[in-house]
Amino acid sequence: MLADLVVVRRDESTQIDWEVVATSLPVIPYPQAVCRLVMSNLVDGRVLSGDALVVRSDEQRHVFRGGGELSGLRAEDGLETGQ
């Protein structure tokens, strides 16, 4: 599975917002339920993980909305409040 991860920190919140849009080989669509995502960054080998809700899923495209903390982020990712 290949995916794009979008992470946003808003000044008015201490929580981050994150979403994953993924493409896979043809599979049975995922049910709209909470799941645990574990992702490997191909650039630096870092592992990120967190609980997410399946928002939309068809045979090859899948959208997951982060449901809380995303572990594996670093300060150099630039997500500190006020940046």
N, C-alpha and C. Protein backbone atom coordinates (compact mmCIF):
# COMPACT_ATOMS: atom_id res chain seq x y z
N MET A 1 0.85 -1.17 0.00
CA MET A 1 0.00 0.00 0.00
C MET A 1 0.90 1.23 0.00
N LEU A 2 0.56 2.20 -0.80
CA LEU A 2 1.26 3.47 -0.88
C LEU A 2 0.31 4.53 -0.35
N ALA A 3 0.81 5.46 0.47
CA ALA A 3 -0.08 6.43 1.10
C ALA A 3 0.57 7.79 1.26
N ASP A 4 -0.27 8.82 1.31
CA ASP A 4 0.14 10.18 1.65
C ASP A 4 -0.43 10.49 3.02
N LEU A 5 0.40 11.08 3.86
CA LEU A 5 0.02 11.48 5.21
C LEU A 5 0.02 12.99 5.28
N VAL A 6 -1.10 13.57 5.73
CA VAL A 6 -1.21 15.01 5.92
C VAL A 6 -1.40 15.27 7.41
N VAL A 7 -0.52 16.11 7.99
CA VAL A 7 -0.57 16.42 9.42
C VAL A 7 -0.64 17.94 9.58
N VAL A 8 -1.58 18.42 10.43
CA VAL A 8 -1.75 19.85 10.65
C VAL A 8 -1.85 20.11 12.14
N ARG A 9 -1.15 21.13 12.61
CA ARG A 9 -1.32 21.61 13.98
C ARG A 9 -1.84 23.04 13.90
N ARG A 10 -2.95 23.27 14.56
CA ARG A 10 -3.56 24.60 14.56
C ARG A 10 -3.18 25.31 15.86
N ASP A 11 -2.96 26.63 15.79
CA ASP A 11 -2.57 27.40 16.97
C ASP A 11 -3.61 27.32 18.09
N GLU A 12 -4.89 27.18 17.71
CA GLU A 12 -5.94 27.18 18.73
C GLU A 12 -6.14 25.82 19.39
N SER A 13 -5.34 24.83 19.04
CA SER A 13 -5.51 23.49 19.60
C SER A 13 -4.17 22.88 19.99
N THR A 14 -4.20 22.04 21.00
CA THR A 14 -2.99 21.30 21.39
C THR A 14 -2.90 19.97 20.66
N GLN A 15 -3.98 19.58 20.00
CA GLN A 15 -4.03 18.32 19.26
C GLN A 15 -3.63 18.54 17.80
N ILE A 16 -3.09 17.52 17.18
CA ILE A 16 -2.85 17.58 15.74
C ILE A 16 -4.03 16.96 15.02
N ASP A 17 -4.23 17.37 13.77
CA ASP A 17 -5.19 16.73 12.87
C ASP A 17 -4.36 15.98 11.84
N TRP A 18 -4.75 14.75 11.54
CA TRP A 18 -4.03 14.01 10.51
C TRP A 18 -4.96 13.10 9.72
N GLU A 19 -4.55 12.87 8.49
CA GLU A 19 -5.34 12.05 7.58
C GLU A 19 -4.39 11.29 6.65
N VAL A 20 -4.79 10.10 6.27
CA VAL A 20 -4.01 9.28 5.34
C VAL A 20 -4.90 8.96 4.15
N VAL A 21 -4.37 9.17 2.96
CA VAL A 21 -5.04 8.78 1.72
C VAL A 21 -4.15 7.72 1.09
N ALA A 22 -4.68 6.51 0.94
CA ALA A 22 -3.86 5.37 0.52
C ALA A 22 -4.41 4.74 -0.75
N THR A 23 -3.50 4.12 -1.50
CA THR A 23 -3.83 3.35 -2.69
C THR A 23 -3.25 1.96 -2.51
N SER A 24 -4.03 0.94 -2.84
CA SER A 24 -3.58 -0.44 -2.67
C SER A 24 -3.86 -1.24 -3.93
N LEU A 25 -3.37 -2.45 -3.95
CA LEU A 25 -3.82 -3.40 -4.95
C LEU A 25 -5.30 -3.66 -4.67
N PRO A 26 -6.06 -4.18 -5.62
CA PRO A 26 -7.48 -4.42 -5.35
C PRO A 26 -7.70 -5.31 -4.12
N VAL A 27 -8.54 -4.83 -3.21
CA VAL A 27 -8.88 -5.56 -1.98
C VAL A 27 -10.37 -5.37 -1.72
N ILE A 28 -10.90 -6.15 -0.80
CA ILE A 28 -12.26 -5.93 -0.33
C ILE A 28 -12.25 -4.61 0.44
N PRO A 29 -13.20 -3.70 0.17
CA PRO A 29 -13.21 -2.41 0.89
C PRO A 29 -13.21 -2.60 2.40
N TYR A 30 -12.50 -1.71 3.09
CA TYR A 30 -12.45 -1.76 4.55
C TYR A 30 -13.76 -1.22 5.12
N PRO A 31 -14.27 -1.80 6.20
CA PRO A 31 -15.49 -1.28 6.81
C PRO A 31 -15.21 0.06 7.51
N GLN A 32 -16.22 0.89 7.65
CA GLN A 32 -16.06 2.15 8.37
C GLN A 32 -15.98 1.84 9.85
N ALA A 33 -14.75 1.73 10.33
CA ALA A 33 -14.49 1.36 11.72
C ALA A 33 -13.13 1.92 12.12
N VAL A 34 -12.86 1.89 13.41
CA VAL A 34 -11.55 2.32 13.91
C VAL A 34 -10.53 1.23 13.62
N CYS A 35 -9.34 1.64 13.23
CA CYS A 35 -8.25 0.70 12.98
C CYS A 35 -6.95 1.32 13.47
N ARG A 36 -5.92 0.52 13.55
CA ARG A 36 -4.59 0.99 13.95
C ARG A 36 -3.74 1.05 12.69
N LEU A 37 -3.19 2.23 12.37
CA LEU A 37 -2.32 2.37 11.21
C LEU A 37 -0.87 2.38 11.68
N VAL A 38 -0.04 1.64 10.99
CA VAL A 38 1.41 1.63 11.22
C VAL A 38 2.03 1.90 9.86
N MET A 39 2.78 3.00 9.76
CA MET A 39 3.32 3.46 8.48
C MET A 39 4.82 3.59 8.55
N SER A 40 5.49 3.22 7.49
CA SER A 40 6.94 3.36 7.40
C SER A 40 7.26 4.46 6.40
N ASN A 41 8.08 5.42 6.83
CA ASN A 41 8.51 6.51 5.97
C ASN A 41 9.64 5.99 5.10
N LEU A 42 9.45 5.99 3.79
CA LEU A 42 10.45 5.43 2.88
C LEU A 42 11.71 6.29 2.78
N VAL A 43 11.63 7.56 3.16
CA VAL A 43 12.80 8.45 3.07
C VAL A 43 13.80 8.17 4.19
N ASP A 44 13.30 8.09 5.44
CA ASP A 44 14.23 7.94 6.56
C ASP A 44 14.00 6.67 7.40
N GLY A 45 13.07 5.81 6.99
CA GLY A 45 12.84 4.56 7.70
C GLY A 45 12.07 4.69 9.00
N ARG A 46 11.64 5.89 9.32
CA ARG A 46 10.91 6.13 10.56
C ARG A 46 9.53 5.45 10.52
N VAL A 47 9.06 5.00 11.67
CA VAL A 47 7.74 4.38 11.77
C VAL A 47 6.81 5.33 12.50
N LEU A 48 5.63 5.57 11.92
CA LEU A 48 4.59 6.39 12.53
C LEU A 48 3.38 5.50 12.74
N SER A 49 2.65 5.74 13.83
CA SER A 49 1.46 4.92 14.08
C SER A 49 0.43 5.69 14.88
N GLY A 50 -0.82 5.28 14.72
CA GLY A 50 -1.91 5.88 15.46
C GLY A 50 -3.23 5.25 15.08
N ASP A 51 -4.23 5.49 15.91
CA ASP A 51 -5.58 5.00 15.64
C ASP A 51 -6.28 5.95 14.67
N ALA A 52 -7.05 5.37 13.75
CA ALA A 52 -7.75 6.16 12.75
C ALA A 52 -9.09 5.52 12.42
N LEU A 53 -9.96 6.33 11.85
CA LEU A 53 -11.27 5.86 11.41
C LEU A 53 -11.24 5.74 9.89
N VAL A 54 -11.75 4.64 9.37
CA VAL A 54 -11.89 4.49 7.92
C VAL A 54 -13.06 5.37 7.50
N VAL A 55 -12.76 6.42 6.74
CA VAL A 55 -13.79 7.36 6.29
C VAL A 55 -14.42 6.86 5.00
N ARG A 56 -13.57 6.37 4.10
CA ARG A 56 -14.03 5.94 2.78
C ARG A 56 -13.08 4.86 2.29
N SER A 57 -13.63 3.85 1.62
CA SER A 57 -12.79 2.77 1.09
C SER A 57 -13.50 2.11 -0.08
N ASP A 58 -12.78 1.98 -1.18
CA ASP A 58 -13.28 1.17 -2.28
C ASP A 58 -12.22 0.10 -2.55
N GLU A 59 -12.20 -0.48 -3.71
CA GLU A 59 -11.27 -1.58 -3.95
C GLU A 59 -9.80 -1.16 -3.92
N GLN A 60 -9.50 0.11 -4.23
CA GLN A 60 -8.10 0.53 -4.30
C GLN A 60 -7.78 1.84 -3.60
N ARG A 61 -8.76 2.65 -3.23
CA ARG A 61 -8.51 3.93 -2.59
C ARG A 61 -9.15 3.94 -1.21
N HIS A 62 -8.38 4.44 -0.23
CA HIS A 62 -8.83 4.37 1.15
C HIS A 62 -8.46 5.68 1.86
N VAL A 63 -9.39 6.24 2.63
CA VAL A 63 -9.16 7.47 3.38
C VAL A 63 -9.36 7.16 4.86
N PHE A 64 -8.34 7.53 5.66
CA PHE A 64 -8.37 7.31 7.10
C PHE A 64 -8.22 8.65 7.79
N ARG A 65 -9.05 8.92 8.80
CA ARG A 65 -8.97 10.16 9.59
C ARG A 65 -8.38 9.83 10.94
N GLY A 66 -7.27 10.49 11.29
CA GLY A 66 -6.63 10.25 12.57
C GLY A 66 -7.57 10.50 13.72
N GLY A 67 -7.49 9.62 14.72
CA GLY A 67 -8.39 9.72 15.86
C GLY A 67 -7.68 10.05 17.15
N GLY A 68 -6.55 10.72 17.06
CA GLY A 68 -5.80 11.05 18.26
C GLY A 68 -4.33 11.21 17.94
N GLU A 69 -3.51 10.83 18.88
CA GLU A 69 -2.06 11.00 18.76
C GLU A 69 -1.48 10.19 17.60
N LEU A 70 -0.46 10.74 16.98
CA LEU A 70 0.30 10.06 15.94
C LEU A 70 1.73 9.94 16.42
N SER A 71 2.14 8.74 16.80
CA SER A 71 3.50 8.58 17.32
C SER A 71 4.50 8.52 16.18
N GLY A 72 5.71 8.96 16.46
CA GLY A 72 6.78 8.95 15.48
C GLY A 72 7.10 10.30 14.90
N LEU A 73 6.31 11.33 15.23
CA LEU A 73 6.62 12.68 14.76
C LEU A 73 7.82 13.22 15.53
N ARG A 74 8.56 14.11 14.89
CA ARG A 74 9.75 14.73 15.50
C ARG A 74 9.62 16.25 15.46
N ALA A 75 10.38 16.91 16.31
CA ALA A 75 10.36 18.38 16.34
C ALA A 75 10.70 18.97 14.97
N GLU A 76 11.61 18.36 14.25
CA GLU A 76 12.01 18.91 12.94
C GLU A 76 10.92 18.77 11.88
N ASP A 77 9.83 18.10 12.20
CA ASP A 77 8.70 18.04 11.27
C ASP A 77 7.97 19.38 11.20
N GLY A 78 8.27 20.31 12.13
CA GLY A 78 7.72 21.67 12.07
C GLY A 78 6.28 21.78 12.51
N LEU A 79 5.86 20.96 13.46
CA LEU A 79 4.47 20.98 13.90
C LEU A 79 4.28 21.65 15.25
N GLU A 80 5.27 22.37 15.74
CA GLU A 80 5.11 23.06 17.00
C GLU A 80 4.10 24.18 16.86
N THR A 81 3.34 24.46 17.91
CA THR A 81 2.35 25.53 17.89
C THR A 81 3.04 26.86 17.63
N GLY A 82 2.43 27.69 16.76
CA GLY A 82 2.96 29.02 16.47
C GLY A 82 3.88 29.07 15.28
N GLN A 83 4.10 27.95 14.61
CA GLN A 83 4.96 27.98 13.41
C GLN A 83 4.14 28.18 12.17
